[in-house]
Protein backbone atom coordinates (compact mmCIF):
# COMPACT_ATOMS: atom_id res chain seq x y z
CA MET A 1 20.20 18.72 -10.34
CA ARG A 2 18.33 16.02 -12.18
CA PRO A 3 18.99 12.40 -11.27
CA THR A 4 21.03 10.49 -13.86
CA MET A 5 21.75 6.83 -14.52
CA ASN A 6 23.75 4.74 -16.91
CA ILE A 7 21.14 3.70 -19.47
CA ILE A 8 22.74 0.29 -20.01
CA LEU A 9 22.35 -0.49 -16.33
CA ALA A 10 18.74 0.67 -16.42
CA PHE A 11 17.90 -1.65 -19.31
CA ALA A 12 19.75 -4.54 -17.71
CA ILE A 13 17.85 -4.21 -14.46
CA THR A 14 14.55 -3.69 -16.26
CA ALA A 15 15.19 -6.95 -18.09
CA GLY A 16 15.39 -8.63 -14.72
CA ILE A 17 19.13 -9.15 -14.51
CA TYR A 18 19.27 -8.83 -10.73
CA LEU A 19 22.30 -9.90 -8.74
CA ALA A 20 22.11 -12.00 -5.60
CA SER A 21 22.59 -9.81 -2.54
CA CYS A 22 23.50 -9.80 1.09
CA THR A 23 26.65 -11.92 1.34
CA PRO A 24 28.53 -11.50 4.63
CA LYS A 25 31.53 -9.20 4.46
CA GLN A 26 33.45 -7.35 7.13
CA ASN A 27 34.24 -3.67 7.71
CA LEU A 28 32.39 -2.00 4.84
CA ASP A 29 31.08 1.57 4.89
CA PRO A 30 28.47 2.89 5.14
CA VAL A 31 27.17 0.56 7.84
CA ALA A 32 23.79 0.63 9.56
CA GLU A 33 22.55 -1.37 12.51
CA THR A 34 19.40 -3.51 12.36
CA MET A 35 17.81 -5.76 14.96
CA ALA A 36 19.10 -8.81 13.06
CA GLY A 37 22.65 -7.53 12.53
CA ASN A 38 24.67 -4.83 10.81
CA VAL A 39 24.35 -4.14 7.08
CA SER A 40 26.58 -2.26 4.66
CA GLY A 41 25.53 -0.35 1.58
CA THR A 42 26.87 2.21 -0.87
CA ILE A 43 26.85 5.99 -1.27
CA ASP A 44 25.38 7.24 -4.54
CA ASP A 45 25.58 10.99 -5.13
CA GLY A 46 25.37 11.62 -1.39
CA ILE A 47 22.52 9.17 -0.81
CA TYR A 48 23.10 6.14 1.42
CA THR A 49 21.71 3.15 -0.46
CA PHE A 50 21.01 -0.32 0.93
CA LYS A 51 19.55 -3.05 -1.26
CA GLY A 52 18.18 -6.42 -0.25
CA ILE A 53 18.08 -6.09 3.55
CA PRO A 54 16.29 -9.15 5.01
CA TYR A 55 13.14 -8.26 6.93
CA ALA A 56 11.57 -11.72 7.34
CA LYS A 57 11.65 -15.40 6.54
CA ALA A 58 8.74 -17.78 5.95
CA GLU A 59 7.74 -21.30 5.03
CA ARG A 60 5.17 -21.89 2.28
CA PHE A 61 1.69 -20.64 3.18
CA MET A 62 2.84 -19.67 6.68
CA PRO A 63 2.94 -16.13 8.13
CA PRO A 64 6.33 -14.39 8.07
CA GLN A 65 8.73 -14.57 11.00
CA ASP A 66 11.68 -12.43 12.02
CA PRO A 67 14.74 -13.01 9.81
CA ASP A 68 17.67 -15.05 11.02
CA THR A 69 20.35 -13.01 12.76
CA TRP A 70 23.90 -12.83 11.49
CA GLU A 71 27.38 -12.02 12.73
CA GLY A 72 29.61 -9.35 11.27
CA VAL A 73 28.36 -7.07 8.49
CA LEU A 74 25.95 -8.19 5.80
CA GLU A 75 26.75 -6.63 2.42
CA CYS A 76 23.58 -5.20 0.88
CA ASN A 77 24.79 -3.57 -2.31
CA ASP A 78 22.57 -5.44 -4.77
CA PHE A 79 18.88 -6.24 -4.95
CA SER A 80 17.64 -9.53 -3.59
CA PRO A 81 15.75 -11.91 -5.89
CA ALA A 82 12.14 -11.09 -6.72
CA ALA A 83 9.18 -13.14 -5.55
CA ARG A 84 8.34 -16.24 -7.59
CA GLN A 85 6.23 -15.34 -10.63
CA ILE A 86 5.91 -16.09 -14.33
CA VAL A 87 6.90 -13.07 -16.42
CA PRO A 88 9.34 -12.70 -19.34
CA TRP A 89 11.26 -9.76 -17.86
CA ILE A 90 12.38 -11.48 -14.63
CA PRO A 91 14.09 -14.82 -15.34
CA ASP A 92 13.79 -17.75 -12.96
CA SER A 93 17.40 -17.22 -11.89
CA ALA A 94 16.42 -13.79 -10.51
CA GLN A 95 13.54 -15.20 -8.42
CA ASN A 96 13.68 -17.06 -5.14
CA GLU A 97 10.96 -18.35 -2.86
CA LYS A 98 13.14 -18.26 0.26
CA THR A 99 15.26 -15.10 -0.05
CA LEU A 100 12.75 -12.69 -1.57
CA PHE A 101 11.91 -11.10 1.80
CA SER A 102 13.86 -7.87 1.54
CA VAL A 103 13.61 -4.11 1.75
CA ASN A 104 15.63 -1.46 -0.09
CA VAL A 105 16.44 1.84 1.61
CA TRP A 106 17.58 5.25 0.32
CA THR A 107 18.39 8.02 2.83
CA GLN A 108 20.49 11.15 3.34
CA GLY A 109 21.57 10.24 6.87
CA LEU A 110 22.31 7.30 9.15
CA ASP A 111 21.40 7.30 12.83
CA ASP A 112 21.72 11.09 12.94
CA GLY A 113 18.58 11.76 15.00
CA LYS A 114 16.87 13.76 12.24
CA LYS A 115 13.67 11.67 12.16
CA ARG A 116 12.93 12.02 8.46
CA PRO A 117 9.48 11.10 7.10
CA VAL A 118 9.41 7.56 5.68
CA MET A 119 7.84 6.37 2.41
CA LEU A 120 7.07 2.66 1.96
CA TRP A 121 6.55 1.91 -1.74
CA LEU A 122 4.37 -1.08 -2.70
CA HIS A 123 4.91 -2.24 -6.27
CA GLY A 124 2.19 -2.85 -8.84
CA GLY A 125 1.40 -5.94 -10.85
CA GLY A 126 -1.87 -6.84 -9.23
CA PHE A 127 -1.19 -9.31 -6.46
CA HIS A 128 0.44 -11.62 -8.99
CA VAL A 129 3.62 -10.12 -10.45
CA GLY A 130 6.06 -7.28 -9.92
CA SER A 131 9.06 -6.31 -7.84
CA GLY A 132 10.31 -3.54 -5.59
CA ASN A 133 13.53 -3.55 -7.67
CA ASP A 134 12.12 -1.67 -10.69
CA PRO A 135 14.41 1.24 -11.74
CA MET A 136 11.61 3.78 -12.16
CA THR A 137 10.74 3.28 -8.48
CA TYR A 138 14.28 3.81 -7.16
CA GLY A 139 14.22 6.12 -4.15
CA LYS A 140 17.41 8.06 -4.73
CA ALA A 141 15.78 11.08 -6.39
CA MET A 142 13.07 11.46 -3.72
CA ALA A 143 15.56 11.02 -0.88
CA LYS A 144 17.80 13.67 -2.45
CA LYS A 145 15.06 16.15 -3.38
CA GLY A 146 12.92 15.85 -0.27
CA ASP A 147 15.23 14.48 2.46
CA VAL A 148 12.89 11.58 3.15
CA VAL A 149 13.71 7.93 3.80
CA TYR A 150 12.42 5.84 0.91
CA VAL A 151 11.81 2.11 1.37
CA SER A 152 10.63 -0.47 -1.17
CA VAL A 153 9.74 -4.09 -0.47
CA ASN A 154 9.43 -7.52 -2.07
CA HIS A 155 6.78 -9.90 -0.77
CA ARG A 156 5.02 -13.12 -1.74
CA LEU A 157 2.67 -13.03 -4.73
CA ASN A 158 -0.03 -15.06 -6.46
CA ILE A 159 -0.60 -18.61 -5.21
CA LEU A 160 2.31 -18.50 -2.74
CA GLY A 161 0.95 -15.33 -1.20
CA PHE A 162 -2.79 -15.93 -1.25
CA LEU A 163 -3.72 -19.63 -1.32
CA ASP A 164 -6.42 -20.17 1.30
CA LEU A 165 -5.87 -23.51 3.04
CA SER A 166 -7.74 -22.54 6.19
CA ALA A 167 -10.19 -25.41 5.63
CA CYS A 168 -7.25 -27.79 6.11
CA GLY A 169 -6.54 -27.00 9.75
CA PRO A 170 -5.69 -24.21 12.22
CA GLN A 171 -2.05 -24.13 11.13
CA TYR A 172 -3.24 -22.59 7.85
CA ALA A 173 -5.52 -20.00 9.47
CA GLN A 174 -3.62 -17.06 7.93
CA SER A 175 -2.61 -18.64 4.62
CA ALA A 176 -5.10 -16.63 2.51
CA ASN A 177 -3.32 -13.37 3.30
CA VAL A 178 0.34 -14.17 3.94
CA GLY A 179 1.40 -11.98 1.00
CA MET A 180 -0.11 -8.97 2.77
CA LEU A 181 1.21 -10.12 6.15
CA ASP A 182 4.66 -9.92 4.56
CA ILE A 183 4.05 -6.20 4.00
CA VAL A 184 2.87 -5.83 7.60
CA LYS A 185 6.14 -7.47 8.62
CA ALA A 186 8.01 -4.90 6.52
CA LEU A 187 6.15 -2.18 8.41
CA GLU A 188 7.26 -3.85 11.64
CA TRP A 189 10.83 -3.78 10.32
CA ILE A 190 10.47 -0.05 9.74
CA GLN A 191 9.17 0.45 13.27
CA LYS A 192 12.14 -1.40 14.77
CA ASN A 193 14.96 -0.28 12.50
CA ILE A 194 14.28 2.87 10.50
CA GLU A 195 15.72 5.28 13.08
CA LYS A 196 19.13 3.80 12.33
CA PHE A 197 18.56 4.91 8.72
CA GLY A 198 17.64 8.45 9.75
CA GLY A 199 13.88 7.87 9.59
CA ASN A 200 10.93 8.47 11.90
CA PRO A 201 8.87 5.34 12.67
CA ALA A 202 6.04 7.60 13.82
CA ASP A 203 5.77 9.26 10.38
CA VAL A 204 5.31 6.56 7.71
CA THR A 205 3.43 6.98 4.43
CA ILE A 206 2.38 3.88 2.48
CA LEU A 207 1.97 4.36 -1.26
CA GLY A 208 1.54 2.24 -4.35
CA GLU A 209 0.30 2.21 -7.94
CA SER A 210 -2.12 -0.24 -9.57
CA GLY A 211 -1.90 -3.45 -7.52
CA GLY A 212 0.32 -1.48 -5.15
CA GLY A 213 -2.52 0.98 -4.66
CA GLY A 214 -4.75 -1.99 -3.94
CA LYS A 215 -2.23 -3.11 -1.32
CA VAL A 216 -2.36 0.33 0.29
CA GLY A 217 -6.16 0.11 0.45
CA THR A 218 -5.89 -3.42 1.85
CA LEU A 219 -3.54 -2.31 4.63
CA MET A 220 -6.14 0.32 5.52
CA CYS A 221 -8.42 -2.62 6.37
CA MET A 222 -5.89 -4.75 8.32
CA PRO A 223 -5.82 -4.33 12.13
CA SER A 224 -2.29 -5.76 12.32
CA ALA A 225 -1.04 -2.76 10.33
CA GLN A 226 -2.82 -0.17 12.46
CA GLY A 227 -0.51 2.40 14.02
CA MET A 228 2.42 1.53 11.74
CA PHE A 229 1.45 3.93 8.92
CA HIS A 230 0.18 7.48 9.17
CA LYS A 231 -0.61 8.64 5.62
CA ALA A 232 -1.56 6.85 2.40
CA ILE A 233 -1.30 7.45 -1.36
CA ILE A 234 -3.27 5.31 -3.83
CA MET A 235 -2.30 5.68 -7.48
CA SER A 236 -4.58 3.98 -10.03
CA GLY A 237 -5.41 1.27 -7.53
CA THR A 238 -9.19 1.15 -7.19
CA LEU A 239 -10.05 -2.09 -8.99
CA LEU A 240 -12.45 -4.08 -6.83
CA ASN A 241 -11.44 -7.35 -5.19
CA GLY A 242 -14.30 -9.75 -4.60
CA MET A 243 -12.51 -12.37 -2.52
CA THR A 244 -14.28 -13.41 0.67
CA ARG A 245 -13.36 -16.21 3.06
CA GLU A 246 -15.99 -18.43 1.44
CA LYS A 247 -14.67 -17.79 -2.07
CA SER A 248 -11.01 -18.16 -1.13
CA GLN A 249 -11.67 -21.38 0.78
CA THR A 250 -13.56 -22.76 -2.20
CA LEU A 251 -10.64 -21.90 -4.47
CA GLY A 252 -8.13 -23.44 -2.07
CA LEU A 253 -10.08 -26.70 -1.95
CA ALA A 254 -10.33 -26.68 -5.75
CA VAL A 255 -6.52 -26.45 -5.97
CA LEU A 256 -6.18 -29.48 -3.73
CA ASP A 257 -8.74 -31.35 -5.81
CA THR A 258 -6.92 -30.47 -9.02
CA LEU A 259 -3.74 -31.95 -7.55
CA GLY A 260 -5.55 -35.04 -6.26
CA LEU A 261 -4.96 -34.16 -2.61
CA THR A 262 -7.26 -34.30 0.40
CA THR A 263 -7.38 -31.65 3.10
CA GLU A 264 -5.35 -33.99 5.31
CA GLU A 265 -2.66 -34.04 2.62
CA ALA A 266 -2.26 -30.26 2.34
CA GLY A 267 1.27 -30.54 3.72
CA LYS A 268 2.33 -32.15 0.44
CA LEU A 269 1.92 -28.74 -1.21
CA ASP A 270 5.23 -27.76 0.39
CA THR A 271 7.16 -29.99 -2.02
CA ILE A 272 5.22 -29.38 -5.25
CA PRO A 273 7.34 -27.43 -7.78
CA TYR A 274 6.25 -23.83 -8.25
CA LEU A 275 5.24 -24.11 -11.92
CA GLU A 276 3.12 -27.19 -11.19
CA LEU A 277 1.45 -25.36 -8.32
CA VAL A 278 0.69 -22.32 -10.52
CA LYS A 279 -0.84 -24.53 -13.20
CA ALA A 280 -3.06 -26.21 -10.62
CA GLY A 281 -4.12 -22.77 -9.38
CA ASN A 282 -4.96 -21.55 -12.87
CA ASP A 283 -6.91 -24.72 -13.64
CA ALA A 284 -8.86 -24.40 -10.40
CA MET A 285 -9.73 -20.75 -11.11
CA ALA A 286 -10.91 -21.60 -14.62
CA LYS A 287 -13.21 -24.29 -13.24
CA ILE A 288 -14.78 -21.91 -10.74
CA SER A 289 -15.01 -18.58 -12.53
CA GLY A 290 -13.91 -19.06 -16.12
CA PRO A 291 -10.98 -17.22 -17.70
CA ARG A 292 -10.34 -13.56 -16.95
CA THR A 293 -10.96 -11.21 -19.85
CA PRO A 294 -9.56 -7.72 -20.49
CA GLY A 295 -11.64 -4.97 -18.94
CA MET A 296 -12.95 -7.00 -16.01
CA ARG A 297 -13.43 -4.66 -13.05
CA MET A 298 -13.74 -7.33 -10.35
CA MET A 299 -10.71 -9.34 -9.28
CA PHE A 300 -11.07 -13.01 -8.44
CA GLY A 301 -8.33 -15.45 -7.60
CA PHE A 302 -5.17 -15.39 -5.56
CA SER A 303 -5.52 -12.01 -3.89
CA PRO A 304 -6.32 -10.80 -0.35
CA SER A 305 -9.40 -12.33 1.25
CA ALA A 306 -11.69 -10.41 3.59
CA ASP A 307 -12.05 -12.79 6.53
CA GLY A 308 -13.24 -10.30 9.16
CA GLU A 309 -10.11 -10.84 11.24
CA ILE A 310 -6.83 -10.36 9.38
CA MET A 311 -8.68 -8.26 6.81
CA LEU A 312 -11.86 -6.58 8.00
CA GLN A 313 -13.30 -5.79 4.57
CA GLN A 314 -12.26 -5.29 0.97
CA PRO A 315 -11.10 -1.73 0.20
CA PHE A 316 -12.96 0.52 -2.23
CA SER A 317 -16.29 -0.96 -1.19
CA PRO A 318 -16.71 1.96 -1.38
CA GLY A 319 -14.38 3.10 1.42
CA PHE A 320 -12.09 1.46 3.96
CA ALA A 321 -12.27 0.09 7.49
CA ASP A 322 -13.03 2.45 10.36
CA MET A 323 -9.55 1.82 11.78
CA SER A 324 -8.13 4.14 9.08
CA LYS A 325 -10.44 7.12 9.61
CA ASN A 326 -7.57 9.28 10.85
CA ILE A 327 -5.26 8.56 7.89
CA PRO A 328 -4.86 11.42 5.36
CA LEU A 329 -5.32 10.02 1.85
CA MET A 330 -4.25 11.11 -1.61
CA ILE A 331 -5.90 9.20 -4.45
CA GLY A 332 -5.92 9.53 -8.22
CA SER A 333 -5.55 8.03 -11.68
CA THR A 334 -4.48 8.87 -15.25
CA LEU A 335 -6.64 10.03 -18.15
CA ASN A 336 -6.27 6.92 -20.31
CA GLU A 337 -4.99 4.18 -17.95
CA LEU A 338 -5.20 0.74 -19.63
CA MET A 339 -7.41 1.77 -22.53
CA GLY A 340 -6.40 1.14 -26.11
CA THR A 341 -5.98 4.72 -27.28
CA ALA A 342 -6.75 6.26 -30.67
CA TYR A 343 -3.97 8.86 -30.50
CA GLY A 344 -2.00 7.11 -33.23
CA GLU A 345 -4.81 7.85 -35.70
CA LYS A 346 -3.82 11.43 -36.38
CA GLU A 347 -6.46 12.02 -39.09
CA LEU A 348 -9.43 10.59 -37.19
CA THR A 349 -12.55 12.73 -37.63
CA LEU A 350 -15.36 13.39 -35.19
CA GLU A 351 -17.78 11.51 -37.43
CA GLN A 352 -15.51 8.48 -37.51
CA ALA A 353 -15.15 8.55 -33.76
CA LYS A 354 -18.92 8.87 -33.39
CA GLU A 355 -19.49 5.77 -35.53
CA ARG A 356 -17.29 3.73 -33.19
CA LEU A 357 -18.87 5.19 -30.08
CA GLN A 358 -22.32 4.13 -31.28
CA LYS A 359 -21.22 0.50 -31.00
CA ILE A 360 -20.61 1.14 -27.30
CA HIS A 361 -23.18 3.73 -26.29
CA GLY A 362 -25.91 3.23 -28.91
CA ASP A 363 -28.57 5.90 -28.75
CA LYS A 364 -26.74 7.57 -25.84
CA THR A 365 -23.74 8.43 -28.04
CA ASP A 366 -24.67 12.10 -28.39
CA GLN A 367 -25.20 12.30 -24.64
CA PHE A 368 -21.76 10.77 -24.09
CA ILE A 369 -20.11 13.30 -26.42
CA GLU A 370 -21.92 16.17 -24.70
CA ALA A 371 -20.78 14.94 -21.28
CA TYR A 372 -17.22 14.57 -22.58
CA ALA A 373 -17.27 18.09 -24.01
CA LYS A 374 -18.49 19.42 -20.67
CA ALA A 375 -15.65 17.62 -18.85
CA TYR A 376 -12.93 18.39 -21.41
CA PRO A 377 -13.90 21.35 -23.63
CA ASP A 378 -10.70 21.08 -25.69
CA TYR A 379 -11.22 17.41 -26.50
CA THR A 380 -10.19 15.73 -29.76
CA PRO A 381 -11.96 12.89 -31.61
CA GLN A 382 -9.16 10.63 -30.41
CA ASP A 383 -9.90 11.55 -26.78
CA LEU A 384 -13.49 10.32 -27.09
CA LEU A 385 -12.25 6.81 -27.82
CA SER A 386 -9.46 6.78 -25.25
CA ILE A 387 -11.00 7.77 -21.91
CA ASP A 388 -10.34 5.51 -18.90
CA THR A 389 -13.45 3.61 -17.83
CA MET A 390 -11.85 1.36 -15.19
CA PHE A 391 -10.08 3.41 -12.52
CA ARG A 392 -11.53 6.92 -12.63
CA PRO A 393 -15.15 5.96 -11.85
CA TYR A 394 -14.13 3.97 -8.78
CA THR A 395 -11.70 6.68 -7.71
CA ILE A 396 -14.61 9.12 -7.66
CA ARG A 397 -16.84 6.66 -5.84
CA THR A 398 -14.18 5.92 -3.21
CA ALA A 399 -13.31 9.60 -2.73
CA ASP A 400 -17.01 10.44 -2.36
CA ALA A 401 -17.56 7.83 0.34
CA TRP A 402 -14.31 8.14 2.25
CA SER A 403 -14.26 11.94 2.37
CA ALA A 404 -17.65 11.74 4.10
CA GLU A 405 -16.60 8.99 6.53
CA SER A 406 -12.99 9.89 7.32
CA ASN A 407 -11.80 12.29 10.00
CA ALA A 408 -8.75 13.11 7.87
CA PRO A 409 -8.54 14.98 4.54
CA VAL A 410 -8.77 13.29 1.15
CA TYR A 411 -6.94 14.82 -1.82
CA ALA A 412 -7.81 13.74 -5.39
CA TYR A 413 -5.70 14.09 -8.52
CA LEU A 414 -5.88 13.24 -12.22
CA LEU A 415 -2.88 13.05 -14.55
CA THR A 416 -3.81 14.24 -18.05
CA TRP A 417 -0.30 14.97 -19.38
CA LYS A 418 0.23 12.78 -22.44
CA SER A 419 3.55 11.11 -23.14
CA PRO A 420 5.34 12.18 -26.36
CA VAL A 421 6.79 8.69 -26.98
CA ASP A 422 5.75 6.52 -29.93
CA ASP A 423 4.64 9.57 -31.90
CA ALA A 424 2.49 10.70 -28.95
CA SER A 425 0.22 7.69 -29.48
CA ARG A 426 -0.02 6.31 -25.93
CA GLY A 427 -1.65 9.18 -24.07
CA SER A 428 -1.61 9.41 -20.28
CA PHE A 429 -1.31 5.69 -19.71
CA HIS A 430 -1.38 3.38 -16.69
CA GLY A 431 1.74 3.85 -14.57
CA LEU A 432 2.93 7.07 -16.22
CA ASP A 433 2.46 8.86 -12.90
CA ILE A 434 5.17 6.69 -11.26
CA PRO A 435 8.34 8.15 -12.86
CA LEU A 436 6.73 11.61 -12.81
CA ALA A 437 5.81 11.50 -9.12
CA PHE A 438 9.17 10.00 -8.11
CA TYR A 439 11.28 12.46 -10.15
CA ASN A 440 12.66 9.53 -12.13
CA VAL A 441 11.87 10.81 -15.64
CA ASP A 442 15.27 9.71 -16.94
CA LEU A 443 14.95 6.19 -15.56
CA ARG A 444 12.00 5.41 -17.84
CA PRO A 445 12.68 7.41 -21.04
CA ASP A 446 10.63 4.94 -23.09
CA TRP A 447 7.62 6.16 -21.09
CA THR A 448 8.34 9.83 -20.43
CA GLY A 449 10.50 10.75 -23.43
CA ASN A 450 12.94 12.34 -20.92
CA VAL A 451 11.91 15.74 -22.28
CA GLU A 452 11.69 19.16 -20.65
CA GLU A 453 7.89 18.96 -20.53
CA ALA A 454 8.09 15.74 -18.56
CA TRP A 455 10.62 17.21 -16.13
CA ALA A 456 8.39 20.23 -15.52
CA VAL A 457 5.37 18.07 -14.69
CA SER A 458 7.57 15.75 -12.63
CA ASP A 459 8.94 18.61 -10.57
CA LYS A 460 5.40 19.64 -9.61
CA MET A 461 4.14 16.13 -8.95
CA SER A 462 7.16 15.03 -6.91
CA SER A 463 6.95 18.23 -4.86
CA ALA A 464 3.28 17.52 -4.12
CA TRP A 465 4.02 13.90 -3.18
CA LEU A 466 6.86 14.97 -0.90
CA ASN A 467 4.76 17.64 0.81
CA PHE A 468 2.03 15.11 1.43
CA VAL A 469 4.54 12.62 2.85
CA LYS A 470 5.89 15.31 5.17
CA THR A 471 2.66 17.01 6.26
CA GLY A 472 -0.41 15.15 5.01
CA ASN A 473 -1.06 18.12 2.71
CA PRO A 474 0.15 18.13 -0.95
CA ASN A 475 -0.08 21.90 -1.51
CA VAL A 476 3.04 23.53 -2.97
CA GLU A 477 2.82 27.29 -2.59
CA GLY A 478 3.76 29.20 -5.71
CA VAL A 479 3.99 26.01 -7.78
CA LEU A 480 0.45 24.61 -7.78
CA PRO A 481 -2.93 26.28 -7.43
CA VAL A 482 -4.57 25.91 -4.02
CA TRP A 483 -5.55 22.25 -3.60
CA GLU A 484 -8.56 21.81 -1.34
CA PRO A 485 -9.50 18.54 0.34
CA TYR A 486 -12.04 16.57 -1.67
CA THR A 487 -15.72 16.30 -0.85
CA ARG A 488 -18.52 14.83 -2.90
CA GLU A 489 -20.00 18.31 -3.15
CA ASN A 490 -16.88 20.11 -4.37
CA GLY A 491 -15.28 17.23 -6.33
CA ALA A 492 -11.99 19.12 -5.99
CA THR A 493 -9.34 17.39 -8.13
CA MET A 494 -5.86 18.55 -9.06
CA VAL A 495 -5.18 18.06 -12.76
CA PHE A 496 -1.48 17.52 -13.47
CA ASP A 497 -0.55 18.68 -16.97
CA ASN A 498 1.66 21.30 -18.59
CA GLU A 499 -0.62 23.76 -16.84
CA CYS A 500 -1.90 22.33 -13.55
CA HIS A 501 -5.36 23.39 -12.43
CA ILE A 502 -8.23 22.43 -10.14
CA VAL A 503 -11.49 21.01 -11.47
CA ASN A 504 -14.68 20.49 -9.51
CA ASN A 505 -16.83 17.48 -10.34
CA HIS A 506 -15.87 18.12 -13.96
CA ASP A 507 -16.47 14.56 -15.20
CA ARG A 508 -19.09 13.23 -12.77
CA GLU A 509 -21.79 13.17 -15.44
CA LEU A 510 -19.43 11.45 -17.87
CA MET A 511 -18.32 8.78 -15.39
CA GLN A 512 -21.92 8.25 -14.26
CA MET A 513 -22.63 6.97 -17.76
CA ILE A 514 -19.97 4.29 -17.26
CA VAL A 515 -20.39 3.19 -13.63
CA PRO A 516 -23.16 4.20 -11.20
CA LEU A 517 -21.51 6.48 -8.67
CA ASP A 518 -24.33 6.67 -6.14
């Protein structure tokens, strides 16, 4: 049975109308035990649902600590506030710097000894915005379809999560990465508590899309996370992060300078209002690197910093730290990602497309079209102008390197199914794989169209994701063609579309024209 949801509630939550959660209340069912105290939730179509369970507490720029304990039963029926950020869809009233540290859990059983596989979802939005409360990432459908325990998390973002003050004294030694240390703390929470929610702490898959995929890759380079996750899925997350300790320290000092503070006065940052702090951070970044422009492939700013200790290296450079060599990995992207597509131009001719391509590729335009035709024989003129040039090249490069270095299998995928919404003008865009992979087609109808085609693709994708979470192998016998582990030589990639199929290095020549792969 397909998951359903009141559409008014979906729009309300998408707009950021989150309710405060976790107020003490006695004798509510269902109840689960945690190390900090008992929590109550709700039952939704047979799925036990807990929202806004505290997993940590923290002061500004300090690593997270265990949450305060409580007496009685803590009611966790509504999402906690999101992390502090500046976005139109989450109002200030739905954000909180102190009470953001929460996990949400969906499961079929409580403390029943079944040891279900666990999924920890890491939301997108770069390292700057986003929330684990987004409807299209609700875990009910996956918990119901696959009998897994699904967990999502909120953690610190942007300047509150990644301001490097380590030059100001040993008390700030970890400040550059506290946003990621929050996620490590959530993994610790899973290790200590998930059995009470019917889950297996020895079988945890971390997964995320976009910035969430970057967080997955970052955890694969963090020794403090080692042993607390066992499989990984990276969805459209291969943008490169260039932050080193030197760069992040320089940025941190620039923030202090912008605010007229010395290193000895760093403690005054604790009382500076959030918006003033963000402005100082933006001004400092502009002084150092200039403004970010669309299409930039290298991140700079308030994001994880490779310091050689908390974070051994940046992910996707081109692989990950040796500590993750035994972690099975699934990695992929969508056909069009963040590109401005030409699918709305229904009458576009090949000659018109070629004229535009010449502004990009010059005398290599014919070579580009030939490479595209080799990769996608049934291409349209609109396709030529809409191909992703940001995520797919680095996905190939990472899969090439890591499949050679890792002791565990790597599985690659590419979503080419195009959404029918907006007169089929948006293509296979960035994030479209989220509601499809999580069997939440009806929770994002403005993306998927909530049509039979979408449900068919979603059934296949969600089955593959669930099989990978359970076994480290995404093959679904009788549903998908045989999906071999990726190597540079075979380039084996599962294409998810109305008809799923395997391709082998089909677009290597095309992507090589965009980003050097070797």
